Amino acid sequence: MRLAEYTDYTLRVLMYCAARPQQLVTIGELAERHGVSKNHLMKIVNDLARQGVLETTRGRGGGLRLLADPATLRVGDVVRAAETDFRLVECFDAEVNECLLSPACRLKHLFDSALRAFLKELDGATLADLAAPAAALPKPGAPRPPQPPQTITLRRRKPPPA
């Protein structure tokens, strides 16, 4: 499962604002910090403001700030509000499901359980758990620390008996 970029950036905006509770943050600052277009961020910020999560102030000296207490914002709720499609497989949507295996298939139940476990894990974390103090964040333009390469170990299938 992969979250949409919209959800990723939504979480970044909220984490950034939560790390700066006493200051107004600008769209320009967010765009520069995260390397995202201002237009894309404006859509996210407008949606969060409509939901009552952010307060926005227009004009010179304006910006945005978190309205809600970060300790009360569950990450799972943010993800549910930002994601538009949790259909991991076709059979999650009865209106478009044409899979012939559906009547006897156990895969849907496995994926459904996995999705529930995923969201339950996210529900156990709040924005306050994720927000680093502003002093701990790297400065704009600072080099990013190197990331270790990810390795995936695949097991070989046993050949069929001869």
N, C-alpha and C. Protein backbone atom coordinates (compact mmCIF):
# COMPACT_ATOMS: atom_id res chain seq x y z
N MET A 1 0.85 -1.18 0.00
CA MET A 1 0.00 0.00 0.00
C MET A 1 0.89 1.23 0.00
N ARG A 2 0.49 2.19 -0.76
CA ARG A 2 1.24 3.44 -0.83
C ARG A 2 0.27 4.59 -0.60
N LEU A 3 0.64 5.49 0.29
CA LEU A 3 -0.20 6.66 0.53
C LEU A 3 0.02 7.66 -0.60
N ALA A 4 -1.01 8.43 -0.89
CA ALA A 4 -0.92 9.46 -1.91
C ALA A 4 0.02 10.57 -1.45
N GLU A 5 0.65 11.24 -2.41
CA GLU A 5 1.51 12.38 -2.07
C GLU A 5 0.73 13.43 -1.29
N TYR A 6 -0.54 13.57 -1.61
CA TYR A 6 -1.39 14.53 -0.91
C TYR A 6 -1.39 14.23 0.60
N THR A 7 -1.51 12.96 0.96
CA THR A 7 -1.51 12.57 2.37
C THR A 7 -0.14 12.82 2.99
N ASP A 8 0.90 12.47 2.27
CA ASP A 8 2.26 12.70 2.75
C ASP A 8 2.47 14.18 3.06
N TYR A 9 2.11 15.05 2.11
CA TYR A 9 2.31 16.48 2.31
C TYR A 9 1.38 17.04 3.38
N THR A 10 0.20 16.48 3.50
CA THR A 10 -0.71 16.90 4.57
C THR A 10 -0.07 16.65 5.93
N LEU A 11 0.49 15.47 6.09
CA LEU A 11 1.17 15.15 7.36
C LEU A 11 2.37 16.06 7.58
N ARG A 12 3.12 16.35 6.53
CA ARG A 12 4.28 17.23 6.66
C ARG A 12 3.87 18.64 7.10
N VAL A 13 2.80 19.16 6.49
CA VAL A 13 2.31 20.49 6.87
C VAL A 13 1.93 20.51 8.34
N LEU A 14 1.18 19.51 8.76
CA LEU A 14 0.73 19.46 10.16
C LEU A 14 1.89 19.30 11.13
N MET A 15 2.86 18.45 10.78
CA MET A 15 4.01 18.25 11.65
C MET A 15 4.84 19.54 11.76
N TYR A 16 5.00 20.22 10.65
CA TYR A 16 5.76 21.46 10.63
C TYR A 16 5.09 22.52 11.51
N CYS A 17 3.78 22.64 11.37
CA CYS A 17 3.04 23.62 12.18
C CYS A 17 3.05 23.24 13.66
N ALA A 18 2.94 21.95 13.94
CA ALA A 18 2.94 21.50 15.34
C ALA A 18 4.28 21.78 16.01
N ALA A 19 5.36 21.77 15.23
CA ALA A 19 6.68 22.05 15.78
C ALA A 19 6.88 23.54 16.05
N ARG A 20 5.97 24.38 15.56
CA ARG A 20 6.06 25.84 15.72
C ARG A 20 4.74 26.39 16.24
N PRO A 21 4.35 26.01 17.45
CA PRO A 21 3.02 26.38 17.94
C PRO A 21 2.81 27.87 18.14
N GLN A 22 3.86 28.63 18.32
CA GLN A 22 3.71 30.06 18.61
C GLN A 22 3.97 30.96 17.42
N GLN A 23 4.11 30.38 16.22
CA GLN A 23 4.41 31.23 15.07
C GLN A 23 3.50 30.93 13.90
N LEU A 24 3.31 31.95 13.08
CA LEU A 24 2.59 31.77 11.82
C LEU A 24 3.58 31.22 10.80
N VAL A 25 3.16 30.22 10.07
CA VAL A 25 3.97 29.59 9.03
C VAL A 25 3.40 30.03 7.69
N THR A 26 4.26 30.29 6.72
CA THR A 26 3.78 30.71 5.40
C THR A 26 3.84 29.54 4.42
N ILE A 27 3.02 29.65 3.39
CA ILE A 27 3.04 28.66 2.31
C ILE A 27 4.43 28.64 1.66
N GLY A 28 5.01 29.82 1.47
CA GLY A 28 6.34 29.90 0.87
C GLY A 28 7.38 29.16 1.69
N GLU A 29 7.29 29.32 2.99
CA GLU A 29 8.22 28.63 3.90
C GLU A 29 8.06 27.11 3.78
N LEU A 30 6.82 26.66 3.76
CA LEU A 30 6.55 25.22 3.62
C LEU A 30 7.05 24.70 2.27
N ALA A 31 6.79 25.47 1.22
CA ALA A 31 7.20 25.05 -0.13
C ALA A 31 8.72 24.92 -0.21
N GLU A 32 9.41 25.90 0.35
CA GLU A 32 10.87 25.86 0.32
C GLU A 32 11.41 24.71 1.17
N ARG A 33 10.83 24.53 2.33
CA ARG A 33 11.31 23.50 3.26
C ARG A 33 11.13 22.09 2.69
N HIS A 34 9.99 21.86 2.05
CA HIS A 34 9.67 20.51 1.59
C HIS A 34 9.86 20.29 0.09
N GLY A 35 10.20 21.34 -0.63
CA GLY A 35 10.41 21.19 -2.07
C GLY A 35 9.13 20.83 -2.82
N VAL A 36 8.04 21.46 -2.41
CA VAL A 36 6.73 21.20 -3.00
C VAL A 36 6.20 22.51 -3.57
N SER A 37 5.41 22.44 -4.62
CA SER A 37 4.89 23.67 -5.23
C SER A 37 3.92 24.37 -4.28
N LYS A 38 3.93 25.69 -4.36
CA LYS A 38 3.01 26.49 -3.53
C LYS A 38 1.56 26.16 -3.84
N ASN A 39 1.25 25.96 -5.13
CA ASN A 39 -0.13 25.67 -5.52
C ASN A 39 -0.62 24.37 -4.88
N HIS A 40 0.22 23.36 -4.87
CA HIS A 40 -0.16 22.08 -4.25
C HIS A 40 -0.40 22.27 -2.75
N LEU A 41 0.48 23.01 -2.11
CA LEU A 41 0.34 23.25 -0.67
C LEU A 41 -0.88 24.10 -0.36
N MET A 42 -1.21 25.04 -1.23
CA MET A 42 -2.39 25.88 -0.99
C MET A 42 -3.66 25.03 -0.96
N LYS A 43 -3.74 24.04 -1.82
CA LYS A 43 -4.91 23.15 -1.83
C LYS A 43 -4.99 22.38 -0.51
N ILE A 44 -3.88 21.87 -0.06
CA ILE A 44 -3.84 21.12 1.20
C ILE A 44 -4.21 22.02 2.37
N VAL A 45 -3.61 23.19 2.42
CA VAL A 45 -3.88 24.13 3.52
C VAL A 45 -5.34 24.55 3.52
N ASN A 46 -5.91 24.83 2.35
CA ASN A 46 -7.33 25.20 2.28
C ASN A 46 -8.22 24.07 2.78
N ASP A 47 -7.91 22.84 2.40
CA ASP A 47 -8.69 21.70 2.89
C ASP A 47 -8.59 21.56 4.41
N LEU A 48 -7.39 21.72 4.95
CA LEU A 48 -7.20 21.62 6.40
C LEU A 48 -7.90 22.76 7.14
N ALA A 49 -7.93 23.93 6.54
CA ALA A 49 -8.63 25.07 7.15
C ALA A 49 -10.13 24.82 7.14
N ARG A 50 -10.67 24.29 6.03
CA ARG A 50 -12.10 23.97 5.96
C ARG A 50 -12.48 22.92 7.01
N GLN A 51 -11.56 22.01 7.30
CA GLN A 51 -11.83 20.97 8.30
C GLN A 51 -11.66 21.48 9.73
N GLY A 52 -11.18 22.73 9.88
CA GLY A 52 -11.00 23.30 11.21
C GLY A 52 -9.73 22.88 11.90
N VAL A 53 -8.77 22.37 11.14
CA VAL A 53 -7.51 21.92 11.72
C VAL A 53 -6.49 23.05 11.72
N LEU A 54 -6.51 23.88 10.68
CA LEU A 54 -5.60 25.01 10.57
C LEU A 54 -6.38 26.31 10.59
N GLU A 55 -5.74 27.34 11.10
CA GLU A 55 -6.26 28.71 11.01
C GLU A 55 -5.37 29.44 10.02
N THR A 56 -5.97 30.14 9.08
CA THR A 56 -5.20 30.89 8.10
C THR A 56 -5.49 32.38 8.25
N THR A 57 -4.44 33.18 8.04
CA THR A 57 -4.56 34.63 8.08
C THR A 57 -3.99 35.16 6.78
N ARG A 58 -4.80 35.92 6.03
CA ARG A 58 -4.37 36.45 4.73
C ARG A 58 -3.60 37.76 4.91
N GLY A 59 -2.90 38.10 3.84
CA GLY A 59 -2.26 39.41 3.78
C GLY A 59 -0.86 39.45 4.36
N ARG A 60 -0.33 40.66 4.36
CA ARG A 60 1.03 40.88 4.88
C ARG A 60 1.08 40.47 6.35
N GLY A 61 2.07 39.70 6.69
CA GLY A 61 2.19 39.22 8.07
C GLY A 61 1.28 38.04 8.35
N GLY A 62 0.62 37.53 7.31
CA GLY A 62 -0.29 36.40 7.49
C GLY A 62 0.44 35.08 7.45
N GLY A 63 -0.33 34.04 7.54
CA GLY A 63 0.23 32.70 7.52
C GLY A 63 -0.79 31.71 8.04
N LEU A 64 -0.29 30.62 8.54
CA LEU A 64 -1.19 29.60 9.07
C LEU A 64 -0.62 29.01 10.35
N ARG A 65 -1.52 28.49 11.14
CA ARG A 65 -1.11 27.83 12.40
C ARG A 65 -2.11 26.73 12.70
N LEU A 66 -1.64 25.81 13.50
CA LEU A 66 -2.46 24.68 13.91
C LEU A 66 -3.51 25.16 14.91
N LEU A 67 -4.77 24.84 14.68
CA LEU A 67 -5.84 25.20 15.61
C LEU A 67 -6.02 24.14 16.70
N ALA A 68 -5.89 22.89 16.30
CA ALA A 68 -6.13 21.79 17.22
C ALA A 68 -4.88 21.49 18.05
N ASP A 69 -5.08 20.94 19.21
CA ASP A 69 -3.98 20.47 20.05
C ASP A 69 -3.36 19.25 19.37
N PRO A 70 -2.05 19.27 19.07
CA PRO A 70 -1.43 18.14 18.38
C PRO A 70 -1.61 16.80 19.12
N ALA A 71 -1.79 16.84 20.41
CA ALA A 71 -1.97 15.61 21.19
C ALA A 71 -3.34 14.99 20.96
N THR A 72 -4.26 15.75 20.35
CA THR A 72 -5.60 15.22 20.10
C THR A 72 -5.81 14.80 18.64
N LEU A 73 -4.85 15.11 17.78
CA LEU A 73 -4.97 14.75 16.36
C LEU A 73 -4.31 13.40 16.11
N ARG A 74 -5.15 12.39 15.90
CA ARG A 74 -4.61 11.05 15.63
C ARG A 74 -4.16 10.98 14.17
N VAL A 75 -3.01 10.37 13.97
CA VAL A 75 -2.47 10.24 12.61
C VAL A 75 -3.43 9.44 11.74
N GLY A 76 -4.06 8.43 12.29
CA GLY A 76 -5.03 7.63 11.53
C GLY A 76 -6.18 8.47 11.01
N ASP A 77 -6.66 9.40 11.82
CA ASP A 77 -7.76 10.27 11.37
C ASP A 77 -7.31 11.19 10.24
N VAL A 78 -6.08 11.69 10.33
CA VAL A 78 -5.55 12.55 9.27
C VAL A 78 -5.44 11.75 7.97
N VAL A 79 -4.93 10.55 8.06
CA VAL A 79 -4.77 9.71 6.87
C VAL A 79 -6.13 9.36 6.27
N ARG A 80 -7.09 9.01 7.10
CA ARG A 80 -8.44 8.70 6.59
C ARG A 80 -9.05 9.90 5.87
N ALA A 81 -8.83 11.11 6.41
CA ALA A 81 -9.40 12.31 5.80
C ALA A 81 -8.69 12.69 4.51
N ALA A 82 -7.41 12.38 4.40
CA ALA A 82 -6.64 12.80 3.23
C ALA A 82 -6.68 11.78 2.10
N GLU A 83 -6.74 10.51 2.43
CA GLU A 83 -6.73 9.47 1.39
C GLU A 83 -8.11 9.38 0.74
N THR A 84 -8.14 9.13 -0.53
CA THR A 84 -9.42 9.03 -1.23
C THR A 84 -9.80 7.59 -1.58
N ASP A 85 -8.86 6.67 -1.44
CA ASP A 85 -9.15 5.31 -1.90
C ASP A 85 -8.38 4.29 -1.06
N PHE A 86 -9.10 3.51 -0.29
CA PHE A 86 -8.50 2.44 0.49
C PHE A 86 -8.79 1.07 -0.13
N ARG A 87 -9.20 1.05 -1.38
CA ARG A 87 -9.45 -0.24 -2.04
C ARG A 87 -8.11 -0.86 -2.41
N LEU A 88 -7.67 -1.80 -1.62
CA LEU A 88 -6.39 -2.43 -1.89
C LEU A 88 -6.49 -3.41 -3.06
N VAL A 89 -7.64 -4.00 -3.22
CA VAL A 89 -7.89 -4.92 -4.33
C VAL A 89 -9.29 -4.64 -4.88
N GLU A 90 -9.53 -5.11 -6.07
CA GLU A 90 -10.80 -4.84 -6.77
C GLU A 90 -12.02 -5.22 -5.95
N CYS A 91 -11.93 -6.33 -5.24
CA CYS A 91 -13.12 -6.85 -4.54
C CYS A 91 -13.51 -6.01 -3.33
N PHE A 92 -12.72 -4.98 -2.96
CA PHE A 92 -13.12 -4.08 -1.89
C PHE A 92 -14.30 -3.21 -2.30
N ASP A 93 -14.52 -3.11 -3.61
CA ASP A 93 -15.60 -2.28 -4.12
C ASP A 93 -16.59 -3.16 -4.88
N ALA A 94 -17.71 -3.48 -4.24
CA ALA A 94 -18.70 -4.39 -4.83
C ALA A 94 -19.25 -3.89 -6.16
N GLU A 95 -19.27 -2.57 -6.36
CA GLU A 95 -19.83 -2.01 -7.59
C GLU A 95 -18.97 -2.31 -8.83
N VAL A 96 -17.68 -2.47 -8.66
CA VAL A 96 -16.81 -2.71 -9.81
C VAL A 96 -16.16 -4.10 -9.78
N ASN A 97 -16.42 -4.85 -8.75
CA ASN A 97 -15.78 -6.16 -8.61
C ASN A 97 -16.28 -7.13 -9.67
N GLU A 98 -15.35 -7.61 -10.47
CA GLU A 98 -15.69 -8.61 -11.48
C GLU A 98 -14.83 -9.87 -11.31
N CYS A 99 -14.16 -9.96 -10.18
CA CYS A 99 -13.27 -11.10 -9.96
C CYS A 99 -14.08 -12.38 -9.77
N LEU A 100 -13.74 -13.39 -10.52
CA LEU A 100 -14.46 -14.67 -10.45
C LEU A 100 -14.14 -15.44 -9.18
N LEU A 101 -13.05 -15.09 -8.51
CA LEU A 101 -12.65 -15.81 -7.30
C LEU A 101 -13.37 -15.30 -6.04
N SER A 102 -14.01 -14.15 -6.13
CA SER A 102 -14.60 -13.50 -4.96
C SER A 102 -15.45 -14.38 -4.05
N PRO A 103 -16.33 -15.21 -4.59
CA PRO A 103 -17.18 -15.98 -3.68
C PRO A 103 -16.40 -16.89 -2.71
N ALA A 104 -15.25 -17.38 -3.11
CA ALA A 104 -14.50 -18.30 -2.25
C ALA A 104 -13.14 -17.75 -1.84
N CYS A 105 -12.83 -16.54 -2.21
CA CYS A 105 -11.49 -15.99 -2.01
C CYS A 105 -11.30 -15.50 -0.57
N ARG A 106 -10.14 -15.80 -0.03
CA ARG A 106 -9.80 -15.35 1.33
C ARG A 106 -8.87 -14.13 1.30
N LEU A 107 -8.42 -13.76 0.12
CA LEU A 107 -7.47 -12.66 0.00
C LEU A 107 -8.08 -11.34 0.48
N LYS A 108 -9.33 -11.09 0.13
CA LYS A 108 -9.98 -9.85 0.55
C LYS A 108 -9.97 -9.73 2.07
N HIS A 109 -10.25 -10.81 2.75
CA HIS A 109 -10.28 -10.78 4.22
C HIS A 109 -8.89 -10.54 4.79
N LEU A 110 -7.88 -11.12 4.16
CA LEU A 110 -6.50 -10.90 4.60
C LEU A 110 -6.12 -9.43 4.44
N PHE A 111 -6.41 -8.85 3.26
CA PHE A 111 -6.10 -7.44 3.04
C PHE A 111 -6.93 -6.53 3.94
N ASP A 112 -8.17 -6.89 4.18
CA ASP A 112 -9.01 -6.10 5.07
C ASP A 112 -8.44 -6.09 6.48
N SER A 113 -8.00 -7.24 6.95
CA SER A 113 -7.38 -7.32 8.28
C SER A 113 -6.10 -6.50 8.34
N ALA A 114 -5.32 -6.58 7.27
CA ALA A 114 -4.07 -5.82 7.23
C ALA A 114 -4.34 -4.31 7.23
N LEU A 115 -5.34 -3.88 6.47
CA LEU A 115 -5.69 -2.46 6.44
C LEU A 115 -6.17 -1.98 7.81
N ARG A 116 -7.00 -2.79 8.46
CA ARG A 116 -7.47 -2.43 9.80
C ARG A 116 -6.30 -2.33 10.78
N ALA A 117 -5.35 -3.26 10.70
CA ALA A 117 -4.18 -3.23 11.59
C ALA A 117 -3.33 -1.99 11.31
N PHE A 118 -3.18 -1.66 10.03
CA PHE A 118 -2.43 -0.47 9.63
C PHE A 118 -3.05 0.79 10.24
N LEU A 119 -4.36 0.95 10.07
CA LEU A 119 -5.05 2.13 10.60
C LEU A 119 -5.06 2.14 12.12
N LYS A 120 -5.18 0.98 12.72
CA LYS A 120 -5.14 0.90 14.19
C LYS A 120 -3.79 1.37 14.72
N GLU A 121 -2.72 0.99 14.02
CA GLU A 121 -1.39 1.44 14.41
C GLU A 121 -1.27 2.96 14.28
N LEU A 122 -1.79 3.51 13.20
CA LEU A 122 -1.77 4.96 13.00
C LEU A 122 -2.63 5.67 14.05
N ASP A 123 -3.73 5.05 14.45
CA ASP A 123 -4.59 5.64 15.48
C ASP A 123 -3.90 5.72 16.83
N GLY A 124 -2.87 4.90 17.02
CA GLY A 124 -2.14 4.91 18.28
C GLY A 124 -1.12 6.04 18.38
N ALA A 125 -0.95 6.80 17.31
CA ALA A 125 0.01 7.92 17.31
C ALA A 125 -0.72 9.23 17.06
N THR A 126 -0.27 10.26 17.72
CA THR A 126 -0.84 11.60 17.51
C THR A 126 0.19 12.48 16.82
N LEU A 127 -0.27 13.62 16.38
CA LEU A 127 0.62 14.58 15.74
C LEU A 127 1.72 15.01 16.72
N ALA A 128 1.39 15.10 18.00
CA ALA A 128 2.39 15.47 19.00
C ALA A 128 3.50 14.43 19.08
N ASP A 129 3.17 13.17 18.84
CA ASP A 129 4.19 12.13 18.86
C ASP A 129 5.19 12.29 17.72
N LEU A 130 4.74 12.88 16.61
CA LEU A 130 5.57 12.98 15.41
C LEU A 130 6.29 14.30 15.26
N ALA A 131 5.81 15.33 15.91
CA ALA A 131 6.33 16.68 15.69
C ALA A 131 7.61 16.90 16.50
N ALA A 132 8.70 17.10 15.78
CA ALA A 132 9.97 17.41 16.43
C ALA A 132 9.98 18.90 16.76
N PRO A 133 10.62 19.27 17.85
CA PRO A 133 10.74 20.71 18.13
C PRO A 133 11.44 21.40 16.96
N ALA A 134 11.06 22.65 16.70
CA ALA A 134 11.60 23.38 15.55
C ALA A 134 13.12 23.43 15.58
N ALA A 135 13.73 23.51 16.75
CA ALA A 135 15.19 23.59 16.85
C ALA A 135 15.85 22.31 16.35
N ALA A 136 15.13 21.18 16.38
CA ALA A 136 15.72 19.90 15.96
C ALA A 136 15.64 19.68 14.46
N LEU A 137 14.90 20.52 13.75
CA LEU A 137 14.73 20.35 12.31
C LEU A 137 15.90 20.98 11.57
N PRO A 138 16.33 20.37 10.44
CA PRO A 138 17.42 20.96 9.66
C PRO A 138 16.99 22.28 9.03
N LYS A 139 17.94 23.15 8.82
CA LYS A 139 17.68 24.44 8.18
C LYS A 139 17.39 24.23 6.70
N PRO A 140 16.60 25.13 6.07
CA PRO A 140 16.33 24.98 4.64
C PRO A 140 17.65 24.99 3.86
N GLY A 141 17.74 24.09 2.89
CA GLY A 141 18.93 24.00 2.06
C GLY A 141 20.06 23.18 2.67
N ALA A 142 19.91 22.78 3.93
CA ALA A 142 20.96 21.97 4.57
C ALA A 142 20.98 20.59 3.93
N PRO A 143 22.18 20.00 3.79
CA PRO A 143 22.23 18.67 3.18
C PRO A 143 21.50 17.65 4.05
N ARG A 144 20.85 16.73 3.38
CA ARG A 144 20.13 15.68 4.10
C ARG A 144 21.11 14.59 4.51
N PRO A 145 20.91 14.00 5.68
CA PRO A 145 21.79 12.90 6.08
C PRO A 145 21.61 11.72 5.13
N PRO A 146 22.69 10.99 4.87
CA PRO A 146 22.57 9.84 3.96
C PRO A 146 21.63 8.78 4.53
N GLN A 147 20.84 8.21 3.66
CA GLN A 147 19.91 7.16 4.06
C GLN A 147 20.54 5.81 3.75
N PRO A 148 20.47 4.86 4.69
CA PRO A 148 21.02 3.54 4.38
C PRO A 148 20.19 2.87 3.30
N PRO A 149 20.85 2.10 2.43
CA PRO A 149 20.07 1.42 1.38
C PRO A 149 19.15 0.38 2.01
N GLN A 150 17.97 0.25 1.41
CA GLN A 150 17.02 -0.75 1.88
C GLN A 150 17.28 -2.05 1.16
N THR A 151 17.25 -3.12 1.91
CA THR A 151 17.43 -4.43 1.28
C THR A 151 16.19 -5.26 1.53
N ILE A 152 15.84 -6.01 0.53
CA ILE A 152 14.69 -6.89 0.61
C ILE A 152 15.19 -8.30 0.36
N THR A 153 14.87 -9.19 1.26
CA THR A 153 15.28 -10.57 1.10
C THR A 153 14.11 -11.38 0.58
N LEU A 154 14.31 -11.99 -0.54
CA LEU A 154 13.28 -12.85 -1.12
C LEU A 154 13.71 -14.30 -0.96
N ARG A 155 12.78 -15.13 -0.60
CA ARG A 155 13.08 -16.56 -0.51
C ARG A 155 12.75 -17.20 -1.84
N ARG A 156 13.60 -18.09 -2.24
CA ARG A 156 13.36 -18.81 -3.48
C ARG A 156 12.25 -19.82 -3.29
N ARG A 157 11.44 -19.92 -4.30
CA ARG A 157 10.41 -20.95 -4.28
C ARG A 157 11.07 -22.29 -4.48
N LYS A 158 10.55 -23.26 -3.79
CA LYS A 158 11.07 -24.62 -4.00
C LYS A 158 10.57 -25.12 -5.34
N PRO A 159 11.45 -25.76 -6.10
CA PRO A 159 10.98 -26.29 -7.38
C PRO A 159 9.97 -27.41 -7.15
N PRO A 160 9.04 -27.59 -8.07
CA PRO A 160 8.07 -28.66 -7.90
C PRO A 160 8.77 -30.02 -7.93
N PRO A 161 8.22 -30.97 -7.19
CA PRO A 161 8.84 -32.30 -7.18
C PRO A 161 8.87 -32.87 -8.59
N ALA A 162 9.95 -33.57 -8.87
CA ALA A 162 10.13 -34.13 -10.22
C ALA A 162 9.33 -35.40 -10.41
